[in-house]
């Protein structure tokens, strides 16, 4: 009797700590607080005043609020407060009733979404992102629909094929960023259109069949997967179709079938992600919403409510290939759920420098903890082990990527949004993912969930 070995996968930590578990902003504030305390005592301030300054700074750095240090909420809170004072949290497009000249205009996203425009090359829809200097093409991807029913060894083999394709894409100098998206939403396609067009009217059998199809469609969920490819803009628009063809060939070797979206499908995908309509866009229509209202807990575009979550913690224990199934299979009724993962390849030389820096930082942190009498935790020990193994993996030929994960939930009402978010967070917890609501930044999460290959909304 033979025992089959099941492949396991491990994720590194993503807490971003620099020293003694402190991230950059808390560390800077702590240093400034100590400096202010010393200066206050040096100029003759009473000792209670110096202690008060030190205690206020320590509280801002060490007391967590919503899984963050208190001081880390300051930039978001200030930005939200300024936006409300200036009215920037509300946006309204030019009235649709305003007369326009009957000339064709370029389809373009609003400035708040990046101001990309849709261009066409060889029938392929391409997003021209002049601010980021990239050209983005989107592929619709389909693989096996029985992944969850496969044996663990078969799941590992399929996942290894995608990993090999990803490593090849990371080595392609033309590709600046990858974005993988999976969206689960209520089915909005007419599954009985083919039958209605061809069946004889008045047939009771056909009528019963159409009624059954209607009932099943109302309860079904549509799952779609896309892969957005950001190509260096210096290559020109005409080079994007060739790059997408190369990516398609590499995915086919991994048993993934992909095809580029054309100039009609790409705007429909963007509209579906923004306001849930998915309607077509004419030559004089905008890709963006008519109105946008941002609040601390969600963002509303037209009649669609959105709430975003950042993936702040990946599982630290070894996992099998199907570990993400609870989240990907979660589909709350009347709610659209999108999982978006951004991957930015890191050059081999830079990756090696990062690995060496992380290893040195882990050793220095261990020495400082021992000197200060601080107790090590399981997270600290895991970070040290991963830093030691990262350099060896790079030497073995693995590629390093910057990873950003965002989960967004869209619903037609605030009540449905709350119910859908509870279900999605429960599914994420089952998959051992740590989700943090992006309060005050839900518009940023919505942009990251669109196939724009931009995770932060800033120019790069």
Protein backbone atom coordinates (compact mmCIF):
# COMPACT_ATOMS: atom_id res chain seq x y z
CA UNK A 1 0.00 0.00 0.00
CA UNK A 2 1.44 3.36 -1.01
CA UNK A 3 0.72 6.71 0.57
CA UNK A 4 0.41 9.62 -1.83
CA UNK A 5 2.11 12.82 -0.74
CA UNK A 6 -0.09 15.91 -0.84
CA UNK A 7 1.62 19.15 -1.81
CA UNK A 8 1.47 21.94 0.74
CA UNK A 9 1.78 25.68 0.18
CA UNK A 10 2.94 28.36 2.58
CA UNK A 11 2.41 32.12 2.52
CA UNK A 12 4.84 34.64 4.02
CA UNK A 13 3.86 37.26 6.54
CA UNK A 14 2.65 40.64 5.30
CA UNK A 15 2.57 42.74 8.49
CA UNK A 16 5.22 45.12 7.11
CA UNK A 17 6.98 45.53 10.46
CA UNK A 18 10.37 47.24 10.41
CA UNK A 19 11.60 46.91 13.98
CA UNK A 20 10.19 45.29 17.13
CA UNK A 21 6.85 44.68 15.40
CA UNK A 22 6.33 48.36 14.48
CA UNK A 23 5.41 49.44 10.97
CA UNK A 24 6.94 52.55 9.34
CA UNK A 25 4.44 55.20 10.46
CA UNK A 26 4.23 54.09 14.14
CA UNK A 27 8.02 53.79 14.21
CA UNK A 28 8.45 57.33 12.88
CA UNK A 29 5.89 58.69 15.35
CA UNK A 30 7.61 56.87 18.23
CA UNK A 31 10.98 58.36 17.29
CA UNK A 32 9.44 61.83 16.98
CA UNK A 33 7.69 61.40 20.35
CA UNK A 34 10.92 60.47 22.14
CA UNK A 35 12.69 63.39 20.48
CA UNK A 36 9.93 65.82 21.50
CA UNK A 37 10.06 64.53 25.08
CA UNK A 38 13.83 65.00 25.31
CA UNK A 39 13.65 68.50 23.81
CA UNK A 40 10.85 69.51 26.18
CA UNK A 41 12.87 68.42 29.20
CA UNK A 42 16.01 70.05 27.78
CA UNK A 43 14.37 73.48 27.47
CA UNK A 44 13.19 73.29 31.07
CA UNK A 45 9.66 71.87 30.88
CA UNK A 46 8.42 70.20 34.07
CA UNK A 47 8.82 66.44 34.32
CA UNK A 48 5.01 65.78 34.25
CA UNK A 49 4.81 67.62 30.91
CA UNK A 50 7.54 65.44 29.44
CA UNK A 51 5.86 62.30 30.75
CA UNK A 52 2.54 63.42 29.30
CA UNK A 53 4.09 63.91 25.85
CA UNK A 54 5.71 60.49 26.08
CA UNK A 55 2.49 58.77 27.19
CA UNK A 56 0.39 60.38 24.44
CA UNK A 57 2.84 59.26 21.77
CA UNK A 58 3.10 55.78 23.24
CA UNK A 59 -0.68 55.43 23.29
CA UNK A 60 -0.93 56.51 19.64
CA UNK A 61 1.69 53.96 18.65
CA UNK A 62 0.89 50.97 20.87
CA UNK A 63 -2.89 51.04 21.38
CA UNK A 64 -4.59 49.27 18.43
CA UNK A 65 -7.88 50.45 16.95
CA UNK A 66 -9.48 48.11 14.43
CA UNK A 67 -6.32 46.00 13.90
CA UNK A 68 -4.23 49.12 13.30
CA UNK A 69 -2.19 51.38 15.53
CA UNK A 70 -4.14 54.52 16.42
CA UNK A 71 -1.74 56.76 14.54
CA UNK A 72 -2.21 54.75 11.32
CA UNK A 73 -5.83 55.95 11.13
CA UNK A 74 -4.72 59.60 11.10
CA UNK A 75 -4.01 59.94 7.32
CA UNK A 76 -7.30 58.27 6.38
CA UNK A 77 -9.31 60.29 8.90
CA UNK A 78 -7.74 63.59 7.79
CA UNK A 79 -8.34 62.78 4.11
CA UNK A 80 -11.98 61.91 4.80
CA UNK A 81 -12.51 65.06 6.88
CA UNK A 82 -10.98 67.31 4.20
CA UNK A 83 -13.05 65.61 1.50
CA UNK A 84 -16.25 66.29 3.41
CA UNK A 85 -15.33 69.91 4.03
CA UNK A 86 -14.53 70.49 0.36
CA UNK A 87 -17.40 68.36 -0.96
CA UNK A 88 -14.99 66.04 -2.78
CA UNK A 89 -16.75 62.98 -1.34
CA UNK A 90 -19.62 63.64 -3.75
CA UNK A 91 -19.22 63.60 -7.51
CA UNK A 92 -21.78 64.07 -10.25
CA UNK A 93 -21.22 63.69 -13.97
CA UNK A 94 -22.44 66.14 -16.55
CA UNK A 95 -26.21 65.85 -16.91
CA UNK A 96 -27.22 63.25 -19.44
CA UNK A 97 -29.90 65.66 -20.67
CA UNK A 98 -27.35 68.24 -21.74
CA UNK A 99 -27.32 68.50 -25.55
CA UNK A 100 -24.23 67.11 -27.19
CA UNK A 101 -22.88 67.37 -30.64
CA UNK A 102 -23.53 64.16 -32.60
CA UNK A 103 -19.85 63.23 -32.85
CA UNK A 104 -18.12 60.12 -31.57
CA UNK A 105 -16.06 60.55 -28.42
CA UNK A 106 -13.49 58.30 -26.85
CA UNK A 107 -14.75 56.09 -24.04
CA UNK A 108 -12.96 57.22 -20.91
CA UNK A 109 -13.19 56.55 -17.19
CA UNK A 110 -13.67 59.53 -14.83
CA UNK A 111 -10.59 61.07 -13.24
CA UNK A 112 -11.49 59.49 -9.88
CA UNK A 113 -11.07 56.04 -11.45
CA UNK A 114 -7.80 56.87 -13.22
CA UNK A 115 -8.99 58.60 -16.43
CA UNK A 116 -8.03 55.65 -18.65
CA UNK A 117 -9.42 55.55 -22.18
CA UNK A 118 -10.42 52.55 -24.26
CA UNK A 119 -8.53 52.05 -27.51
CA UNK A 120 -8.71 49.23 -30.04
CA UNK A 121 -5.89 47.29 -31.70
CA UNK A 122 -6.62 44.27 -33.92
CA UNK A 123 -10.10 44.07 -32.45
CA UNK A 124 -8.83 43.88 -28.86
CA UNK A 125 -10.06 46.37 -26.27
CA UNK A 126 -7.15 48.06 -24.46
CA UNK A 127 -7.10 50.50 -21.57
CA UNK A 128 -4.61 53.29 -22.21
CA UNK A 129 -3.37 54.43 -18.78
CA UNK A 130 -1.31 57.50 -19.63
CA UNK A 131 -0.75 58.42 -15.97
CA UNK A 132 0.77 55.05 -15.09
CA UNK A 133 2.46 54.70 -18.49
CA UNK A 134 0.92 51.30 -19.18
CA UNK A 135 -1.48 49.65 -21.61
CA UNK A 136 -3.86 47.14 -20.05
CA UNK A 137 -5.43 44.21 -21.86
CA UNK A 138 -7.94 41.87 -20.21
CA UNK A 139 -8.27 38.13 -20.80
CA UNK A 140 -11.31 36.06 -19.96
CA UNK A 141 -9.96 32.85 -18.43
CA UNK A 142 -11.62 29.47 -18.03
CA UNK A 143 -10.22 26.24 -16.61
CA UNK A 144 -11.63 23.03 -15.27
CA UNK A 145 -15.02 23.37 -13.59
CA UNK A 146 -14.36 20.31 -11.41
CA UNK A 147 -11.32 21.53 -9.50
CA UNK A 148 -13.02 20.96 -6.15
CA UNK A 149 -13.89 17.38 -7.14
CA UNK A 150 -10.37 16.46 -8.26
CA UNK A 151 -7.97 14.44 -6.16
CA UNK A 152 -5.47 16.48 -4.10
CA UNK A 153 -2.62 15.32 -6.34
CA UNK A 154 -4.50 16.50 -9.45
CA UNK A 155 -5.27 19.84 -7.81
CA UNK A 156 -1.59 20.26 -6.98
CA UNK A 157 -0.62 19.43 -10.56
CA UNK A 158 -3.01 22.03 -11.96
CA UNK A 159 -1.78 24.64 -9.51
CA UNK A 160 1.84 23.86 -10.33
CA UNK A 161 1.05 24.50 -13.99
CA UNK A 162 -0.32 27.95 -13.14
CA UNK A 163 2.76 28.62 -11.01
CA UNK A 164 5.04 27.75 -13.91
CA UNK A 165 3.08 30.07 -16.19
CA UNK A 166 3.26 32.83 -13.58
CA UNK A 167 7.03 32.46 -13.30
CA UNK A 168 7.33 32.76 -17.07
CA UNK A 169 5.18 35.90 -17.09
CA UNK A 170 7.30 37.42 -14.32
CA UNK A 171 10.38 36.98 -16.50
CA UNK A 172 8.75 38.83 -19.42
CA UNK A 173 10.17 42.37 -19.43
CA UNK A 174 7.13 43.66 -21.35
CA UNK A 175 4.75 42.93 -18.46
CA UNK A 176 4.66 45.50 -15.66
CA UNK A 177 1.82 44.08 -13.55
CA UNK A 178 -0.72 41.26 -13.45
CA UNK A 179 -4.17 41.30 -11.91
CA UNK A 180 -6.26 38.21 -11.29
CA UNK A 181 -9.98 38.71 -10.67
CA UNK A 182 -12.78 36.33 -9.73
CA UNK A 183 -16.33 37.63 -9.51
CA UNK A 184 -19.45 35.85 -8.26
CA UNK A 185 -22.74 37.61 -8.96
CA UNK A 186 -26.39 36.73 -9.62
CA UNK A 187 -26.89 35.37 -13.13
CA UNK A 188 -28.07 38.15 -15.47
CA UNK A 189 -27.94 36.32 -18.79
CA UNK A 190 -31.06 35.00 -20.48
CA UNK A 191 -30.54 31.24 -20.56
CA UNK A 192 -33.81 30.60 -22.42
CA UNK A 193 -33.26 33.01 -25.32
CA UNK A 194 -32.14 30.24 -27.69
CA UNK A 195 -35.25 28.15 -26.97
CA UNK A 196 -37.69 31.05 -27.29
CA UNK A 197 -36.31 32.02 -30.69
CA UNK A 198 -36.67 28.52 -32.13
CA UNK A 199 -39.60 26.87 -30.33
CA UNK A 200 -43.17 27.13 -31.47
CA UNK A 201 -45.28 29.54 -29.45
CA UNK A 202 -48.16 28.06 -27.46
CA UNK A 203 -46.52 24.68 -26.90
CA UNK A 204 -47.27 23.74 -23.24
CA UNK A 205 -44.09 21.66 -23.00
CA UNK A 206 -41.94 24.55 -24.11
CA UNK A 207 -43.75 26.93 -21.78
CA UNK A 208 -43.11 24.64 -18.80
CA UNK A 209 -39.47 24.30 -19.77
CA UNK A 210 -39.05 28.08 -20.06
CA UNK A 211 -40.65 28.57 -16.65
CA UNK A 212 -38.28 26.01 -15.12
CA UNK A 213 -35.27 27.72 -16.70
CA UNK A 214 -36.46 31.08 -15.37
CA UNK A 215 -36.75 29.73 -11.81
CA UNK A 216 -33.33 28.10 -11.94
CA UNK A 217 -31.70 31.20 -13.41
CA UNK A 218 -33.12 33.36 -10.64
CA UNK A 219 -31.34 31.16 -8.07
CA UNK A 220 -28.07 30.63 -9.93
CA UNK A 221 -24.75 32.42 -9.54
CA UNK A 222 -22.41 33.47 -12.30
CA UNK A 223 -18.67 32.98 -11.72
CA UNK A 224 -16.22 34.76 -14.02
CA UNK A 225 -12.43 34.93 -13.98
CA UNK A 226 -10.30 37.55 -15.73
CA UNK A 227 -6.61 38.24 -15.99
CA UNK A 228 -5.53 41.83 -16.64
CA UNK A 229 -2.08 42.36 -18.15
CA UNK A 230 -0.36 45.75 -17.83
CA UNK A 231 2.16 46.19 -20.66
CA UNK A 232 4.85 48.85 -20.71
CA UNK A 233 3.40 51.81 -22.59
CA UNK A 234 6.62 52.48 -24.50
CA UNK A 235 5.96 49.36 -26.57
CA UNK A 236 2.94 50.99 -28.24
CA UNK A 237 -0.67 49.91 -28.60
CA UNK A 238 0.06 47.58 -31.52
CA UNK A 239 2.34 45.44 -29.34
CA UNK A 240 -0.38 44.62 -26.80
CA UNK A 241 -2.26 42.00 -28.91
CA UNK A 242 1.01 40.12 -29.50
CA UNK A 243 1.77 40.16 -25.77
CA UNK A 244 -1.72 38.89 -24.96
CA UNK A 245 -1.28 36.12 -27.55
CA UNK A 246 1.95 35.02 -25.83
CA UNK A 247 0.23 35.04 -22.44
CA UNK A 248 -2.66 33.01 -23.86
CA UNK A 249 -0.23 30.38 -25.16
CA UNK A 250 1.45 30.12 -21.76
CA UNK A 251 -1.87 29.75 -20.00
CA UNK A 252 -2.94 27.07 -22.46
CA UNK A 253 0.11 25.04 -21.43
CA UNK A 254 -1.27 25.24 -17.89
CA UNK A 255 -4.68 23.95 -19.11
CA UNK A 256 -6.27 27.40 -18.89
CA UNK A 257 -8.16 28.71 -21.90
CA UNK A 258 -8.04 32.49 -22.32
CA UNK A 259 -9.23 35.01 -24.87
CA UNK A 260 -8.87 38.81 -24.98
CA UNK A 261 -11.93 41.00 -24.48
CA UNK A 262 -12.90 43.13 -27.44
CA UNK A 263 -13.90 46.79 -27.56
CA UNK A 264 -17.51 45.95 -26.57
CA UNK A 265 -16.88 43.41 -23.80
CA UNK A 266 -14.27 45.49 -21.98
CA UNK A 267 -16.54 48.54 -21.37
CA UNK A 268 -19.36 46.21 -20.31
CA UNK A 269 -17.04 44.59 -17.77
CA UNK A 270 -16.06 47.97 -16.37
CA UNK A 271 -19.66 49.14 -16.14
CA UNK A 272 -20.69 45.90 -14.42
CA UNK A 273 -17.95 46.36 -11.83
CA UNK A 274 -18.79 50.02 -11.17
CA UNK A 275 -22.58 50.12 -10.99
CA UNK A 276 -23.62 46.50 -11.51
CA UNK A 277 -25.52 47.26 -14.72
CA UNK A 278 -23.24 45.74 -17.31
CA UNK A 279 -25.04 47.67 -20.01
CA UNK A 280 -23.39 48.57 -23.26
CA UNK A 281 -21.71 51.92 -23.81
CA UNK A 282 -22.40 53.97 -26.87
CA UNK A 283 -19.83 56.27 -28.48
CA UNK A 284 -21.01 59.28 -26.47
CA UNK A 285 -21.47 57.51 -23.12
CA UNK A 286 -19.09 57.53 -20.18
CA UNK A 287 -17.72 54.40 -18.60
CA UNK A 288 -18.10 55.86 -15.14
CA UNK A 289 -21.17 56.35 -12.96
CA UNK A 290 -23.48 59.35 -13.06
CA UNK A 291 -22.92 60.04 -9.36
CA UNK A 292 -20.62 58.86 -6.57
CA UNK A 293 -21.01 59.36 -2.83
CA UNK A 294 -18.20 58.28 -0.51
CA UNK A 295 -18.72 57.66 3.20
CA UNK A 296 -16.66 56.14 5.98
CA UNK A 297 -18.25 52.67 5.74
CA UNK A 298 -19.04 52.34 2.00
CA UNK A 299 -19.11 54.07 -1.37
CA UNK A 300 -22.21 54.41 -3.53
CA UNK A 301 -22.09 54.60 -7.32
CA UNK A 302 -25.50 55.35 -8.80
CA UNK A 303 -27.77 52.71 -7.21
CA UNK A 304 -25.03 50.26 -6.24
CA UNK A 305 -23.35 50.10 -2.81
CA UNK A 306 -19.76 48.88 -2.43
CA UNK A 307 -17.57 47.96 0.52
CA UNK A 308 -13.95 46.88 0.24
CA UNK A 309 -11.64 44.76 2.38
CA UNK A 310 -7.87 44.47 2.21
CA UNK A 311 -6.25 41.09 2.72
CA UNK A 312 -3.92 41.90 5.61
CA UNK A 313 -3.04 38.34 6.59
CA UNK A 314 -2.54 35.17 4.58
CA UNK A 315 -2.59 31.71 6.20
CA UNK A 316 0.70 30.91 7.94
CA UNK A 317 0.19 27.14 8.13
CA UNK A 318 0.88 24.77 5.21
CA UNK A 319 -2.19 24.51 2.97
CA UNK A 320 -3.46 22.28 0.19
CA UNK A 321 -4.24 23.50 -3.32
CA UNK A 322 -7.95 24.05 -2.66
CA UNK A 323 -7.56 26.18 0.46
CA UNK A 324 -9.35 29.22 -1.04
CA UNK A 325 -12.54 27.35 -2.01
CA UNK A 326 -14.66 28.64 0.92
CA UNK A 327 -14.20 32.23 -0.25
CA UNK A 328 -14.43 31.59 -4.00
CA UNK A 329 -17.58 29.50 -3.62
CA UNK A 330 -19.28 32.02 -1.33
CA UNK A 331 -22.09 33.76 -3.23
CA UNK A 332 -24.60 35.60 -0.99
CA UNK A 333 -27.96 36.16 -2.73
CA UNK A 334 -28.45 39.45 -4.60
CA UNK A 335 -24.82 40.39 -3.89
CA UNK A 336 -21.74 40.52 -6.11
CA UNK A 337 -18.43 39.48 -4.56
CA UNK A 338 -15.10 40.18 -6.25
CA UNK A 339 -11.67 38.86 -5.27
CA UNK A 340 -8.85 40.82 -6.89
CA UNK A 341 -5.17 39.93 -6.52
CA UNK A 342 -2.49 42.25 -7.93
CA UNK A 343 0.92 40.80 -8.77
CA UNK A 344 3.89 42.99 -9.63
CA UNK A 345 7.07 41.13 -10.68
CA UNK A 346 10.24 42.14 -8.87
CA UNK A 347 13.55 42.11 -10.72
CA UNK A 348 15.94 39.35 -9.68
CA UNK A 349 18.61 41.74 -8.39
CA UNK A 350 16.11 43.75 -6.35
CA UNK A 351 14.52 40.57 -5.01
CA UNK A 352 17.91 39.34 -3.79
CA UNK A 353 18.58 42.68 -2.08
CA UNK A 354 15.17 42.50 -0.39
CA UNK A 355 15.83 38.96 0.83
CA UNK A 356 19.20 39.90 2.29
CA UNK A 357 17.73 43.00 3.93
CA UNK A 358 14.88 40.97 5.46
CA UNK A 359 17.33 38.41 6.79
CA UNK A 360 19.56 41.08 8.36
CA UNK A 361 16.54 42.87 9.81
CA UNK A 362 15.27 39.63 11.37
CA UNK A 363 18.66 38.96 13.01
CA UNK A 364 18.88 42.55 14.32
CA UNK A 365 15.33 42.34 15.65
CA UNK A 366 16.12 39.09 17.49
CA UNK A 367 19.24 40.65 19.09
CA UNK A 368 17.34 43.77 20.15
CA UNK A 369 14.50 41.72 21.64
CA UNK A 370 16.96 39.68 23.67
CA UNK A 371 18.77 42.82 24.83
CA UNK A 372 15.52 44.54 25.86
CA UNK A 373 14.11 41.43 27.51
CA UNK A 374 11.14 41.10 25.15
CA UNK A 375 9.55 37.69 24.68
CA UNK A 376 9.54 36.23 21.17
CA UNK A 377 6.21 35.27 19.64
CA UNK A 378 5.24 32.63 17.09
CA UNK A 379 4.82 35.35 14.46
CA UNK A 380 8.33 36.71 15.10
CA UNK A 381 9.85 33.25 14.85
CA UNK A 382 7.93 32.53 11.63
CA UNK A 383 9.10 35.82 10.08
CA UNK A 384 12.71 34.99 10.97
CA UNK A 385 12.43 31.52 9.40
CA UNK A 386 10.85 32.92 6.23
CA UNK A 387 13.54 35.59 5.91
CA UNK A 388 16.21 32.89 6.16
CA UNK A 389 14.51 30.74 3.50
CA UNK A 390 13.69 33.55 1.04
CA UNK A 391 17.25 33.90 -0.27
CA UNK A 392 17.57 30.15 -0.78
CA UNK A 393 14.31 30.08 -2.78
CA UNK A 394 15.51 32.90 -5.04
CA UNK A 395 18.76 31.05 -5.69
CA UNK A 396 16.70 27.96 -6.56
CA UNK A 397 14.94 29.90 -9.34
CA UNK A 398 11.72 31.11 -7.75
CA UNK A 399 10.41 34.55 -8.68
CA UNK A 400 9.36 37.27 -6.25
CA UNK A 401 6.12 39.25 -6.65
CA UNK A 402 4.62 42.11 -4.75
CA UNK A 403 1.13 40.91 -3.83
CA UNK A 404 -1.95 42.94 -2.97
CA UNK A 405 -5.30 41.29 -2.28
CA UNK A 406 -8.65 43.11 -2.19
CA UNK A 407 -12.15 41.72 -1.66
CA UNK A 408 -15.14 43.90 -2.54
CA UNK A 409 -18.84 43.35 -1.99
CA UNK A 410 -21.48 45.14 -4.10
CA UNK A 411 -25.21 45.20 -3.41
CA UNK A 412 -28.33 47.10 -4.52
CA UNK A 413 -29.05 48.35 -0.97
CA UNK A 414 -27.24 49.08 2.28
CA UNK A 415 -29.10 46.29 4.08
CA UNK A 416 -28.15 43.70 1.48
CA UNK A 417 -24.57 45.01 1.60
CA UNK A 418 -24.33 44.41 5.36
CA UNK A 419 -25.72 40.88 5.03
CA UNK A 420 -23.43 40.05 2.13
CA UNK A 421 -20.36 41.39 3.92
CA UNK A 422 -21.08 39.21 6.95
CA UNK A 423 -21.29 36.13 4.74
CA UNK A 424 -18.11 37.00 2.84
CA UNK A 425 -16.13 37.69 6.01
CA UNK A 426 -17.27 34.36 7.45
CA UNK A 427 -16.12 32.57 4.30
CA UNK A 428 -12.78 34.40 4.40
CA UNK A 429 -12.31 33.40 8.04
CA UNK A 430 -12.97 29.78 7.07
CA UNK A 431 -10.21 30.11 4.47
CA UNK A 432 -7.93 31.60 7.19
CA UNK A 433 -7.73 34.98 5.52
CA UNK A 434 -7.52 38.17 7.54
CA UNK A 435 -9.72 40.89 6.04
CA UNK A 436 -9.59 44.50 7.16
CA UNK A 437 -12.36 46.89 6.09
CA UNK A 438 -10.94 49.83 4.18
CA UNK A 439 -12.91 52.45 6.09
CA UNK A 440 -12.55 55.82 4.44
CA UNK A 441 -10.93 54.16 1.42
CA UNK A 442 -13.75 52.11 -0.10
CA UNK A 443 -13.51 54.07 -3.36
CA UNK A 444 -9.88 52.99 -3.55
CA UNK A 445 -10.95 49.37 -3.03
CA UNK A 446 -13.50 49.70 -5.83
CA UNK A 447 -10.81 50.90 -8.23
CA UNK A 448 -8.56 48.02 -7.15
CA UNK A 449 -11.39 45.57 -7.95
CA UNK A 450 -11.64 46.81 -11.55
CA UNK A 451 -9.31 45.36 -14.23
CA UNK A 452 -7.14 48.48 -14.27
CA UNK A 453 -3.93 46.94 -12.87
CA UNK A 454 -3.78 49.75 -10.31
CA UNK A 455 -3.99 48.79 -6.65
CA UNK A 456 -3.37 52.17 -5.03
CA UNK A 457 -4.88 54.68 -7.47
CA UNK A 458 -1.68 56.70 -7.56
CA UNK A 459 0.46 57.44 -10.58
CA UNK A 460 3.46 55.18 -11.01
